[in-house]
């Protein structure tokens, strides 16, 4: 009996040993993270969602993401995490989403990159979430009646492409009593506006009875409390956890005007039936910008209604068997309708091409895109190369374009671009003449790279700091970005040889990090680097303080 019992214990011990060894072996090949989510007052937050995602610059090689939810004590654990670079974020109802190590108040701040090695264990990854700000109010019309089903936006000032503008940070729709509630607002100043998009779209209906007199007044975009633009609006200051109530808006009803014209196909000289839209000149042509859209009739005539005085850009495009044509014009409304507009649609350009990897034939299934970098009313086109490296763009709008590519092979960069036999590597592709052509893109597997450590004036490593790098000259208007990890280290790869500027930022608005007009204000001899092909350079970027960046941002137009 004793022998039997001993054999059973020995067998159980031997069978358990491989499982223990397997678990230990798995732990040595992966990483582990743990931390806690707290409120600003230090109270544990349960049911917070944590997401561990590959750092954007590494997503081509590591697409594994992880999620977890905090327990009753606000704690979370990630186990079995593959080695790599990650960002960690936390969110919970009633609080602002936040990246770990973020220097700003919202998820727009990149936070710290977490560089995880095999067998590494990181503890005390704690968050203190900021409570959301809320704005509530009621929307009424000129008669004081509630206006249901209207979008109300909380807008913040941003700088992009050297211009100051407004971008939505939150929105809500009015209920049947005209009430609205905009949540998830971070601390800062806001402008609140109401936009009756449905009425604007319904006003463009072409099925108007002949002889019917159209209403020459309409509800128009109104900023709190009753202004037609942000210049006359009242800014609202949101603090963490605040709820501003009674933000009531009386929607303005104003005299409006029309733009009437004719669409003509340049190739045939005949009228065209297609869509046409009007946008306020200088707007960013985003989903929140006022837009008026209609379709031309069989005889090519069109009418855009319910427009306030101002300068507008008219845009139209049509597709015929895959061949696209485009039309564009600018008009100005003062105090009367605009008539006699002739919008001519020019045939788009067809571009064929090849992409090759130097010394290794065509890479597989690469995405190529063209962007005219034209700001608010620019065009962009993309296509995917076939397995033999050939590709085609059809119907590109006339203009000047930069060439870009996504998901390049590791260590590769665009070495040369030729169009119609001419080297255009450092210039824009010029399609303004409407001439078709062939595009040849050559990639090199010997990209350069930059890495380093960001330190403050006292020599301490700075975590969660953004690093920007951009070329001194050439057709590329790209800004390369990196973020420091838990050790203050960063790296940026896939760079073409050449001269660059590089800076690190203590705290920088996400819009400004792509704005070359702003970044150029911080160029100096000690912010320049020169990269040779295939070289890897270690640098310590100059750290721009929060105060320095804010002072220059205030000077932007």
Protein backbone atom coordinates (compact mmCIF):
# COMPACT_ATOMS: atom_id res chain seq x y z
CA UNK A 1 0.00 0.00 0.00
CA UNK A 2 2.84 2.37 0.88
CA UNK A 3 4.62 1.52 -2.36
CA UNK A 4 1.47 2.25 -4.33
CA UNK A 5 0.96 5.60 -2.59
CA UNK A 6 4.61 6.56 -3.18
CA UNK A 7 4.29 5.69 -6.88
CA UNK A 8 1.16 7.81 -7.17
CA UNK A 9 2.84 10.82 -5.53
CA UNK A 10 5.94 10.43 -7.70
CA UNK A 11 3.80 10.20 -10.83
CA UNK A 12 1.82 13.33 -9.86
CA UNK A 13 5.04 15.21 -9.13
CA UNK A 14 6.55 14.25 -12.48
CA UNK A 15 3.39 15.15 -14.40
CA UNK A 16 3.18 18.57 -12.67
CA UNK A 17 6.81 19.41 -13.37
CA UNK A 18 6.47 19.88 -17.18
CA UNK A 19 3.46 22.16 -16.65
CA UNK A 20 5.41 24.26 -14.15
CA UNK A 21 8.42 24.37 -16.47
CA UNK A 22 6.14 25.34 -19.37
CA UNK A 23 4.58 28.20 -17.39
CA UNK A 24 7.99 29.44 -16.26
CA UNK A 25 9.30 29.18 -19.80
CA UNK A 26 6.32 31.17 -21.14
CA UNK A 27 6.88 33.87 -18.50
CA UNK A 28 10.51 34.17 -19.53
CA UNK A 29 9.48 34.79 -23.14
CA UNK A 30 6.78 37.35 -22.39
CA UNK A 31 6.23 40.43 -20.22
CA UNK A 32 3.89 41.27 -17.35
CA UNK A 33 2.36 44.62 -16.35
CA UNK A 34 0.25 45.66 -13.42
CA UNK A 35 -1.11 48.89 -12.03
CA UNK A 36 -4.10 50.71 -10.62
CA UNK A 37 -6.66 53.24 -11.86
CA UNK A 38 -7.58 55.98 -9.39
CA UNK A 39 -9.61 59.16 -9.29
CA UNK A 40 -7.92 62.53 -8.78
CA UNK A 41 -8.68 62.21 -5.06
CA UNK A 42 -7.03 58.77 -4.88
CA UNK A 43 -10.15 56.60 -4.81
CA UNK A 44 -9.89 53.26 -6.71
CA UNK A 45 -11.97 53.13 -9.91
CA UNK A 46 -13.49 49.76 -10.74
CA UNK A 47 -14.72 48.75 -14.20
CA UNK A 48 -12.18 50.95 -15.96
CA UNK A 49 -11.10 49.57 -19.35
CA UNK A 50 -7.37 49.25 -20.04
CA UNK A 51 -5.97 48.81 -23.55
CA UNK A 52 -2.40 47.86 -24.33
CA UNK A 53 -1.82 48.52 -28.04
CA UNK A 54 1.28 48.33 -30.24
CA UNK A 55 2.99 51.70 -30.69
CA UNK A 56 1.78 53.09 -34.02
CA UNK A 57 5.27 53.04 -35.58
CA UNK A 58 5.53 49.27 -34.94
CA UNK A 59 2.06 48.10 -35.96
CA UNK A 60 3.25 46.52 -39.19
CA UNK A 61 5.35 43.99 -37.28
CA UNK A 62 3.32 43.59 -34.09
CA UNK A 63 -0.47 43.73 -34.34
CA UNK A 64 -1.32 42.07 -31.01
CA UNK A 65 -3.41 44.17 -28.59
CA UNK A 66 -4.56 43.37 -25.05
CA UNK A 67 -7.46 44.54 -22.87
CA UNK A 68 -8.30 44.25 -19.19
CA UNK A 69 -10.84 45.67 -16.71
CA UNK A 70 -10.03 46.91 -13.23
CA UNK A 71 -11.31 44.98 -10.22
CA UNK A 72 -12.98 46.36 -7.11
CA UNK A 73 -9.70 47.88 -5.95
CA UNK A 74 -9.00 49.53 -9.31
CA UNK A 75 -6.17 47.10 -10.14
CA UNK A 76 -5.35 45.55 -13.50
CA UNK A 77 -2.85 42.95 -14.76
CA UNK A 78 -1.57 42.05 -18.23
CA UNK A 79 0.25 38.72 -18.49
CA UNK A 80 1.77 36.91 -21.44
CA UNK A 81 2.50 40.14 -23.35
CA UNK A 82 4.76 39.70 -26.36
CA UNK A 83 7.97 41.80 -26.29
CA UNK A 84 7.70 45.10 -28.14
CA UNK A 85 6.75 48.76 -27.79
CA UNK A 86 3.26 49.61 -26.61
CA UNK A 87 1.00 52.42 -25.45
CA UNK A 88 -1.31 51.90 -22.48
CA UNK A 89 -4.62 53.73 -22.12
CA UNK A 90 -7.41 53.81 -19.54
CA UNK A 91 -11.01 54.98 -19.79
CA UNK A 92 -14.11 54.91 -17.62
CA UNK A 93 -17.55 56.44 -17.87
CA UNK A 94 -17.54 59.92 -16.35
CA UNK A 95 -13.80 60.42 -16.82
CA UNK A 96 -11.52 61.48 -19.66
CA UNK A 97 -9.66 58.76 -21.55
CA UNK A 98 -5.94 58.97 -20.82
CA UNK A 99 -2.68 57.49 -22.07
CA UNK A 100 -0.20 56.31 -19.49
CA UNK A 101 2.43 58.99 -18.88
CA UNK A 102 0.40 61.63 -20.76
CA UNK A 103 1.45 65.22 -20.09
CA UNK A 104 -1.82 66.66 -21.36
CA UNK A 105 -5.34 66.23 -20.04
CA UNK A 106 -6.71 64.01 -22.79
CA UNK A 107 -5.88 61.07 -25.01
CA UNK A 108 -4.45 63.44 -27.63
CA UNK A 109 -1.28 63.49 -25.53
CA UNK A 110 0.82 60.51 -26.71
CA UNK A 111 2.00 59.47 -23.25
CA UNK A 112 4.94 57.18 -22.60
CA UNK A 113 5.89 54.34 -24.87
CA UNK A 114 6.36 51.13 -22.87
CA UNK A 115 9.35 49.19 -24.20
CA UNK A 116 8.81 45.62 -22.97
CA UNK A 117 11.50 42.95 -23.09
CA UNK A 118 11.10 39.19 -22.64
CA UNK A 119 10.77 38.30 -18.97
CA UNK A 120 10.20 41.92 -17.93
CA UNK A 121 7.75 42.75 -15.15
CA UNK A 122 6.49 46.30 -14.72
CA UNK A 123 4.57 47.38 -11.64
CA UNK A 124 2.92 50.54 -10.34
CA UNK A 125 1.58 51.63 -13.74
CA UNK A 126 -0.95 53.91 -12.08
CA UNK A 127 -3.48 56.28 -13.63
CA UNK A 128 -5.25 59.22 -12.02
CA UNK A 129 -8.17 59.90 -14.32
CA UNK A 130 -9.52 63.41 -14.73
CA UNK A 131 -13.30 63.78 -14.33
CA UNK A 132 -15.10 64.93 -17.47
CA UNK A 133 -16.52 68.38 -18.05
CA UNK A 134 -20.15 68.74 -19.18
CA UNK A 135 -22.13 71.48 -20.90
CA UNK A 136 -25.94 71.46 -20.87
CA UNK A 137 -28.48 73.85 -22.30
CA UNK A 138 -31.52 74.36 -24.49
CA UNK A 139 -31.90 75.37 -28.11
CA UNK A 140 -34.85 77.50 -29.21
CA UNK A 141 -35.76 79.24 -32.43
CA UNK A 142 -36.41 82.94 -33.05
CA UNK A 143 -39.92 82.56 -31.57
CA UNK A 144 -38.66 80.87 -28.41
CA UNK A 145 -39.92 77.41 -29.39
CA UNK A 146 -37.68 74.34 -28.83
CA UNK A 147 -35.75 73.03 -31.83
CA UNK A 148 -35.38 69.22 -31.70
CA UNK A 149 -32.95 67.02 -33.61
CA UNK A 150 -30.22 69.63 -34.04
CA UNK A 151 -26.50 68.96 -33.64
CA UNK A 152 -24.81 71.12 -31.01
CA UNK A 153 -20.99 71.23 -30.95
CA UNK A 154 -18.43 72.17 -28.32
CA UNK A 155 -15.57 73.66 -30.38
CA UNK A 156 -11.97 74.39 -29.45
CA UNK A 157 -9.43 76.63 -31.18
CA UNK A 158 -6.77 74.71 -33.12
CA UNK A 159 -3.93 75.65 -35.47
CA UNK A 160 -3.42 73.72 -38.69
CA UNK A 161 -1.54 74.56 -41.91
CA UNK A 162 -0.60 77.93 -40.45
CA UNK A 163 -4.19 78.96 -39.82
CA UNK A 164 -6.33 79.30 -36.72
CA UNK A 165 -9.68 77.52 -36.77
CA UNK A 166 -12.22 75.63 -34.69
CA UNK A 167 -12.50 71.88 -34.31
CA UNK A 168 -15.22 69.94 -32.47
CA UNK A 169 -14.24 68.32 -29.17
CA UNK A 170 -17.72 66.97 -28.43
CA UNK A 171 -21.28 67.10 -29.67
CA UNK A 172 -24.84 66.15 -28.82
CA UNK A 173 -28.27 66.23 -30.45
CA UNK A 174 -31.18 68.17 -29.01
CA UNK A 175 -34.12 66.14 -27.68
CA UNK A 176 -37.81 66.80 -28.28
CA UNK A 177 -37.68 69.75 -25.85
CA UNK A 178 -34.56 71.26 -27.45
CA UNK A 179 -32.32 70.17 -24.56
CA UNK A 180 -28.72 69.04 -25.12
CA UNK A 181 -25.90 67.61 -23.00
CA UNK A 182 -22.30 67.50 -24.23
CA UNK A 183 -20.05 65.29 -22.08
CA UNK A 184 -16.42 64.09 -22.06
CA UNK A 185 -14.92 67.59 -22.29
CA UNK A 186 -11.38 68.20 -21.08
CA UNK A 187 -10.42 71.39 -19.23
CA UNK A 188 -10.09 74.49 -21.42
CA UNK A 189 -12.05 77.16 -23.34
CA UNK A 190 -14.88 76.19 -25.70
CA UNK A 191 -17.30 77.78 -28.15
CA UNK A 192 -20.70 76.11 -28.41
CA UNK A 193 -22.60 76.20 -31.72
CA UNK A 194 -25.82 74.76 -33.15
CA UNK A 195 -26.09 73.74 -36.81
CA UNK A 196 -29.37 72.84 -38.54
CA UNK A 197 -27.82 70.52 -41.13
CA UNK A 198 -31.09 68.81 -42.06
CA UNK A 199 -32.82 72.06 -42.94
CA UNK A 200 -29.84 73.11 -45.02
CA UNK A 201 -29.91 69.84 -46.94
CA UNK A 202 -33.70 69.83 -47.40
CA UNK A 203 -33.51 73.35 -48.82
CA UNK A 204 -31.53 71.96 -51.78
CA UNK A 205 -34.42 69.75 -52.94
CA UNK A 206 -34.79 70.15 -56.70
CA UNK A 207 -38.42 68.98 -56.66
CA UNK A 208 -39.78 72.47 -56.04
CA UNK A 209 -43.14 73.25 -57.64
CA UNK A 210 -42.86 75.76 -60.51
CA UNK A 211 -43.93 79.20 -59.39
CA UNK A 212 -43.49 78.38 -55.70
CA UNK A 213 -41.99 81.27 -53.72
CA UNK A 214 -39.06 80.03 -51.66
CA UNK A 215 -38.58 81.19 -48.09
CA UNK A 216 -35.79 83.78 -48.17
CA UNK A 217 -34.99 83.29 -44.48
CA UNK A 218 -33.60 80.24 -42.73
CA UNK A 219 -32.18 78.94 -39.47
CA UNK A 220 -28.39 79.35 -39.66
CA UNK A 221 -25.40 78.15 -37.64
CA UNK A 222 -25.49 80.02 -34.33
CA UNK A 223 -22.82 80.32 -31.63
CA UNK A 224 -23.70 80.73 -27.96
CA UNK A 225 -25.50 82.82 -27.06
CA UNK A 226 -26.73 84.19 -30.45
CA UNK A 227 -23.77 85.01 -32.73
CA UNK A 228 -23.27 84.10 -36.39
CA UNK A 229 -19.56 83.41 -35.83
CA UNK A 230 -17.05 82.61 -33.12
CA UNK A 231 -15.77 86.19 -33.09
CA UNK A 232 -19.00 87.35 -31.47
CA UNK A 233 -19.51 84.26 -29.32
CA UNK A 234 -18.93 83.83 -25.60
CA UNK A 235 -16.12 81.44 -24.68
CA UNK A 236 -16.93 78.92 -21.96
CA UNK A 237 -14.20 77.84 -19.55
CA UNK A 238 -14.44 74.17 -18.58
CA UNK A 239 -12.64 72.90 -15.47
CA UNK A 240 -12.21 69.25 -14.51
CA UNK A 241 -15.44 67.75 -13.24
CA UNK A 242 -17.52 70.88 -13.88
CA UNK A 243 -21.01 70.94 -15.38
CA UNK A 244 -21.99 74.22 -17.01
CA UNK A 245 -25.76 74.50 -17.11
CA UNK A 246 -28.09 76.98 -18.72
CA UNK A 247 -26.02 77.38 -21.89
CA UNK A 248 -29.12 78.31 -23.89
CA UNK A 249 -28.85 79.24 -27.56
CA UNK A 250 -31.40 81.25 -29.52
CA UNK A 251 -30.95 80.07 -33.11
CA UNK A 252 -30.70 82.94 -35.55
CA UNK A 253 -32.98 83.17 -38.56
CA UNK A 254 -31.40 85.24 -41.30
CA UNK A 255 -31.95 86.28 -44.89
CA UNK A 256 -30.28 83.77 -47.18
CA UNK A 257 -29.28 83.67 -50.84
CA UNK A 258 -28.76 81.25 -53.73
CA UNK A 259 -26.05 80.38 -56.23
CA UNK A 260 -27.39 79.35 -59.65
CA UNK A 261 -25.33 78.04 -62.50
CA UNK A 262 -24.63 75.46 -65.20
CA UNK A 263 -22.42 72.35 -65.26
CA UNK A 264 -20.56 71.73 -68.51
CA UNK A 265 -18.37 68.80 -69.59
CA UNK A 266 -15.17 70.34 -70.99
CA UNK A 267 -14.60 67.40 -73.37
CA UNK A 268 -18.03 67.51 -75.03
CA UNK A 269 -19.27 71.00 -74.24
CA UNK A 270 -22.57 69.45 -73.14
CA UNK A 271 -24.45 69.88 -69.85
CA UNK A 272 -23.63 67.42 -67.09
CA UNK A 273 -25.84 65.94 -64.39
CA UNK A 274 -23.87 65.43 -61.17
CA UNK A 275 -23.50 66.61 -57.58
CA UNK A 276 -22.20 70.05 -56.66
CA UNK A 277 -21.38 71.43 -53.22
CA UNK A 278 -20.50 74.78 -51.69
CA UNK A 279 -18.11 75.26 -48.77
CA UNK A 280 -17.17 78.39 -46.92
CA UNK A 281 -13.76 79.45 -48.14
CA UNK A 282 -11.13 78.89 -45.48
CA UNK A 283 -13.00 76.08 -43.71
CA UNK A 284 -11.31 72.72 -43.34
CA UNK A 285 -13.90 70.75 -45.31
CA UNK A 286 -14.45 68.39 -42.39
CA UNK A 287 -17.69 66.78 -41.30
CA UNK A 288 -18.49 69.67 -38.95
CA UNK A 289 -18.04 72.44 -41.52
CA UNK A 290 -21.20 73.92 -43.05
CA UNK A 291 -21.76 72.42 -46.50
CA UNK A 292 -24.47 72.91 -49.09
CA UNK A 293 -24.99 70.14 -51.64
CA UNK A 294 -27.37 69.55 -54.52
CA UNK A 295 -27.51 67.83 -57.91
CA UNK A 296 -27.69 69.47 -61.29
CA UNK A 297 -30.77 68.82 -63.41
CA UNK A 298 -30.92 67.06 -66.77
CA UNK A 299 -30.10 70.33 -68.52
CA UNK A 300 -27.03 70.85 -66.30
CA UNK A 301 -28.52 73.72 -64.27
CA UNK A 302 -28.18 73.78 -60.49
CA UNK A 303 -29.17 75.96 -57.56
CA UNK A 304 -27.63 76.03 -54.08
CA UNK A 305 -29.90 77.70 -51.54
CA UNK A 306 -29.87 79.06 -47.99
CA UNK A 307 -26.38 80.60 -48.07
CA UNK A 308 -25.36 83.54 -45.91
CA UNK A 309 -23.17 86.32 -47.33
CA UNK A 310 -19.56 85.20 -47.64
CA UNK A 311 -16.96 83.63 -49.92
CA UNK A 312 -17.61 80.09 -51.14
CA UNK A 313 -15.77 77.35 -53.01
CA UNK A 314 -17.89 75.30 -55.42
CA UNK A 315 -16.82 71.69 -55.96
CA UNK A 316 -18.17 69.08 -58.40
CA UNK A 317 -17.04 65.70 -59.68
CA UNK A 318 -18.51 63.01 -61.89
CA UNK A 319 -17.59 59.48 -62.93
CA UNK A 320 -18.19 58.00 -66.37
CA UNK A 321 -17.03 54.38 -66.76
CA UNK A 322 -14.34 54.93 -64.16
CA UNK A 323 -13.08 58.18 -65.69
CA UNK A 324 -13.52 61.03 -63.21
CA UNK A 325 -13.89 64.70 -64.06
CA UNK A 326 -13.68 67.64 -61.66
CA UNK A 327 -14.88 71.22 -61.51
CA UNK A 328 -14.03 74.02 -59.08
CA UNK A 329 -14.90 77.71 -58.82
CA UNK A 330 -15.04 80.47 -56.21
CA UNK A 331 -17.90 82.91 -55.74
CA UNK A 332 -18.69 85.70 -53.30
CA UNK A 333 -22.18 86.55 -51.98
CA UNK A 334 -22.82 90.09 -50.75
CA UNK A 335 -26.53 90.97 -50.58
CA UNK A 336 -28.06 89.24 -53.60
CA UNK A 337 -28.27 85.90 -55.39
CA UNK A 338 -25.41 84.82 -57.66
CA UNK A 339 -26.44 83.72 -61.14
CA UNK A 340 -24.72 82.68 -64.34
CA UNK A 341 -22.01 80.54 -62.72
CA UNK A 342 -20.46 78.16 -65.25
CA UNK A 343 -18.77 75.15 -63.67
CA UNK A 344 -16.63 73.30 -66.21
CA UNK A 345 -15.63 69.71 -65.46
CA UNK A 346 -12.14 68.77 -66.64
CA UNK A 347 -11.15 65.14 -67.18
CA UNK A 348 -8.92 63.69 -64.48
CA UNK A 349 -5.42 62.38 -65.12
CA UNK A 350 -4.52 58.70 -65.49
CA UNK A 351 -1.17 57.63 -64.06
CA UNK A 352 0.38 54.19 -64.38
CA UNK A 353 3.54 53.17 -62.60
CA UNK A 354 5.83 50.65 -60.99
CA UNK A 355 7.37 50.33 -57.56
CA UNK A 356 10.58 48.36 -57.04
CA UNK A 357 12.78 47.51 -54.10
CA UNK A 358 16.43 48.14 -54.95
CA UNK A 359 18.25 44.86 -55.55
CA UNK A 360 15.27 42.71 -54.61
CA UNK A 361 12.54 43.14 -57.22
CA UNK A 362 9.00 44.37 -56.50
CA UNK A 363 7.75 44.38 -52.90
CA UNK A 364 4.35 42.79 -52.35
CA UNK A 365 1.03 44.69 -52.15
CA UNK A 366 2.25 48.11 -51.14
CA UNK A 367 -0.18 51.02 -50.78
CA UNK A 368 0.70 54.19 -52.73
CA UNK A 369 -1.08 57.51 -52.26
CA UNK A 370 -1.00 60.93 -53.87
CA UNK A 371 -1.91 64.06 -51.92
CA UNK A 372 -2.03 67.54 -53.39
CA UNK A 373 -1.26 69.03 -49.95
CA UNK A 374 -3.70 71.74 -50.97
CA UNK A 375 -5.18 72.33 -47.56
CA UNK A 376 -8.92 72.68 -47.14
CA UNK A 377 -10.00 71.68 -50.64
CA UNK A 378 -7.21 69.34 -51.65
CA UNK A 379 -7.58 65.92 -53.26
CA UNK A 380 -6.01 62.60 -52.36
CA UNK A 381 -5.96 59.27 -54.19
CA UNK A 382 -4.64 55.87 -53.21
CA UNK A 383 -4.10 52.52 -54.87
CA UNK A 384 -2.42 49.18 -54.15
CA UNK A 385 0.44 47.80 -56.23
CA UNK A 386 -0.01 44.40 -57.81
CA UNK A 387 2.34 41.52 -57.03
CA UNK A 388 4.57 42.52 -59.94
CA UNK A 389 4.88 46.07 -58.57
CA UNK A 390 2.68 47.76 -61.17
CA UNK A 391 -0.14 50.13 -60.20
CA UNK A 392 -2.57 52.62 -61.72
CA UNK A 393 -4.35 55.82 -60.68
CA UNK A 394 -7.39 56.84 -62.71
CA UNK A 395 -9.16 60.17 -62.68
CA UNK A 396 -6.81 62.27 -60.54
CA UNK A 397 -7.94 65.88 -60.20
CA UNK A 398 -5.65 68.47 -61.80
CA UNK A 399 -3.12 69.81 -59.31
CA UNK A 400 0.30 69.24 -57.75
CA UNK A 401 0.83 66.10 -55.69
CA UNK A 402 3.27 64.55 -53.25
CA UNK A 403 3.93 60.81 -53.37
CA UNK A 404 3.62 58.75 -50.22
CA UNK A 405 3.51 55.08 -49.24
CA UNK A 406 2.11 53.15 -46.32
CA UNK A 407 3.49 50.09 -44.55
CA UNK A 408 6.89 50.12 -46.23
CA UNK A 409 9.08 47.04 -45.69
CA UNK A 410 11.14 47.29 -42.52
CA UNK A 411 14.23 49.41 -43.11
CA UNK A 412 13.05 50.79 -46.46
CA UNK A 413 12.53 54.35 -47.71
CA UNK A 414 11.53 56.03 -50.97
CA UNK A 415 14.86 56.60 -52.71
CA UNK A 416 13.69 58.11 -55.99
CA UNK A 417 10.53 59.10 -57.84
CA UNK A 418 10.48 59.71 -61.60
CA UNK A 419 7.53 60.92 -63.66
CA UNK A 420 7.65 60.93 -67.43
CA UNK A 421 11.38 60.24 -67.21
CA UNK A 422 12.04 63.30 -65.02
CA UNK A 423 13.39 63.12 -61.47
CA UNK A 424 10.67 64.48 -59.12
CA UNK A 425 12.01 63.00 -55.88
CA UNK A 426 12.24 66.41 -54.24
CA UNK A 427 9.44 68.23 -56.06
CA UNK A 428 5.69 67.92 -56.39
CA UNK A 429 4.15 65.93 -59.25
CA UNK A 430 2.59 68.51 -61.56
CA UNK A 431 -0.72 67.40 -63.10
CA UNK A 432 -2.04 70.90 -63.73
CA UNK A 433 -1.65 70.52 -67.50
CA UNK A 434 -3.75 67.35 -67.53
CA UNK A 435 -1.00 65.26 -69.16
CA UNK A 436 -1.03 61.54 -68.38
CA UNK A 437 2.23 59.84 -67.54
CA UNK A 438 4.17 56.97 -65.98
CA UNK A 439 5.44 57.02 -62.41
CA UNK A 440 8.50 55.04 -61.29
CA UNK A 441 9.14 54.61 -57.57
CA UNK A 442 12.38 53.06 -56.33
CA UNK A 443 12.70 51.92 -52.72
CA UNK A 444 15.97 51.34 -50.93
CA UNK A 445 16.31 48.79 -48.11
CA UNK A 446 18.90 51.04 -46.44
CA UNK A 447 16.82 53.58 -44.54
CA UNK A 448 18.42 55.74 -41.89
CA UNK A 449 17.26 56.00 -38.30
CA UNK A 450 17.54 58.23 -35.27
CA UNK A 451 17.41 57.35 -31.61
CA UNK A 452 18.35 59.01 -28.37
CA UNK A 453 17.31 60.14 -24.95
CA UNK A 454 15.40 63.30 -24.06
CA UNK A 455 16.60 65.04 -20.90
CA UNK A 456 15.57 68.20 -19.10
CA UNK A 457 17.93 71.00 -18.07
CA UNK A 458 18.83 69.09 -14.92
CA UNK A 459 19.86 66.02 -16.91
CA UNK A 460 16.86 63.90 -15.90
CA UNK A 461 15.29 61.63 -18.52
CA UNK A 462 11.88 62.81 -19.75
CA UNK A 463 9.17 60.18 -20.24
CA UNK A 464 6.07 60.65 -22.40
CA UNK A 465 7.68 63.41 -24.47
CA UNK A 466 6.99 63.78 -28.19
CA UNK A 467 9.88 64.12 -30.64
CA UNK A 468 9.30 65.61 -34.10
CA UNK A 469 11.66 65.38 -37.07
CA UNK A 470 11.10 66.92 -40.50
CA UNK A 471 13.22 67.46 -43.66
CA UNK A 472 14.84 70.85 -44.25
CA UNK A 473 13.84 70.82 -47.91
CA UNK A 474 12.29 68.69 -50.66
CA UNK A 475 8.80 67.81 -51.81
CA UNK A 476 8.00 65.93 -48.62
CA UNK A 477 5.97 67.82 -46.09
CA UNK A 478 5.96 64.83 -43.77
CA UNK A 479 6.59 65.18 -40.07
CA UNK A 480 8.07 62.10 -38.42
CA UNK A 481 7.13 61.60 -34.79
CA UNK A 482 8.27 59.51 -31.89
CA UNK A 483 7.55 59.34 -28.17
CA UNK A 484 9.92 58.63 -25.32
CA UNK A 485 9.50 55.44 -23.34
CA UNK A 486 9.71 54.80 -19.61
CA UNK A 487 13.48 55.47 -19.78
CA UNK A 488 13.25 58.69 -21.81
CA UNK A 489 14.46 56.87 -24.94
CA UNK A 490 12.96 57.24 -28.43
CA UNK A 491 13.63 55.98 -31.95
CA UNK A 492 12.43 57.01 -35.41
CA UNK A 493 13.13 54.69 -38.37
CA UNK A 494 12.51 54.54 -42.11
CA UNK A 495 14.18 57.87 -42.94
CA UNK A 496 15.66 58.95 -46.26
CA UNK A 497 19.19 60.36 -46.17
CA UNK A 498 19.33 64.14 -45.93
CA UNK A 499 19.19 67.13 -43.62
CA UNK A 500 16.54 67.32 -40.91
CA UNK A 501 15.37 69.42 -38.01
CA UNK A 502 14.61 67.66 -34.73
CA UNK A 503 13.03 68.85 -31.48
CA UNK A 504 11.44 67.39 -28.37
CA UNK A 505 8.38 68.94 -26.77
CA UNK A 506 7.44 69.01 -23.14
CA UNK A 507 3.76 69.37 -24.11
CA UNK A 508 2.47 70.01 -27.63
CA UNK A 509 -1.02 70.12 -29.11
CA UNK A 510 -1.52 67.26 -31.57
CA UNK A 511 -2.52 69.67 -34.36
CA UNK A 512 0.67 71.70 -33.94
CA UNK A 513 2.87 68.61 -34.07
CA UNK A 514 2.01 68.31 -37.80
CA UNK A 515 2.04 72.04 -38.56
CA UNK A 516 5.26 72.88 -40.41
CA UNK A 517 4.59 76.62 -40.19
CA UNK A 518 4.64 76.29 -36.42
CA UNK A 519 7.55 73.84 -36.23
CA UNK A 520 9.72 76.10 -38.39
CA UNK A 521 9.62 78.69 -35.62
CA UNK A 522 11.93 76.44 -33.58
CA UNK A 523 14.70 75.80 -36.12
CA UNK A 524 18.29 76.64 -35.27
CA UNK A 525 21.77 75.19 -35.91
CA UNK A 526 21.53 73.07 -32.76
CA UNK A 527 18.31 71.45 -33.98
CA UNK A 528 19.72 70.13 -37.30
CA UNK A 529 21.06 66.68 -38.11
CA UNK A 530 22.38 65.08 -41.30
CA UNK A 531 21.68 61.42 -42.05
CA UNK A 532 23.59 59.23 -44.45
CA UNK A 533 21.93 56.28 -46.18
CA UNK A 534 21.66 53.29 -43.86
CA UNK A 535 23.17 55.24 -40.97
CA UNK A 536 21.85 55.23 -37.45
CA UNK A 537 22.47 58.38 -35.47
CA UNK A 538 22.15 58.94 -31.75
CA UNK A 539 21.10 62.43 -30.71
CA UNK A 540 19.82 64.33 -27.72
CA UNK A 541 17.10 66.65 -29.05
CA UNK A 542 16.58 70.11 -27.69
CA UNK A 543 13.63 70.14 -25.30
CA UNK A 544 11.09 72.90 -25.99
CA UNK A 545 9.22 73.86 -22.84
CA UNK A 546 5.45 74.07 -22.56
CA UNK A 547 5.72 77.84 -22.08
CA UNK A 548 7.89 78.37 -25.19
CA UNK A 549 5.49 76.37 -27.38
CA UNK A 550 2.43 78.20 -26.03
CA UNK A 551 4.04 81.61 -26.60
CA UNK A 552 4.73 80.87 -30.28
CA UNK A 553 1.31 79.29 -30.80
CA UNK A 554 -0.27 82.54 -29.57
CA UNK A 555 1.48 84.41 -32.40
CA UNK A 556 -0.04 82.29 -35.16
CA UNK A 557 -2.63 84.07 -37.35
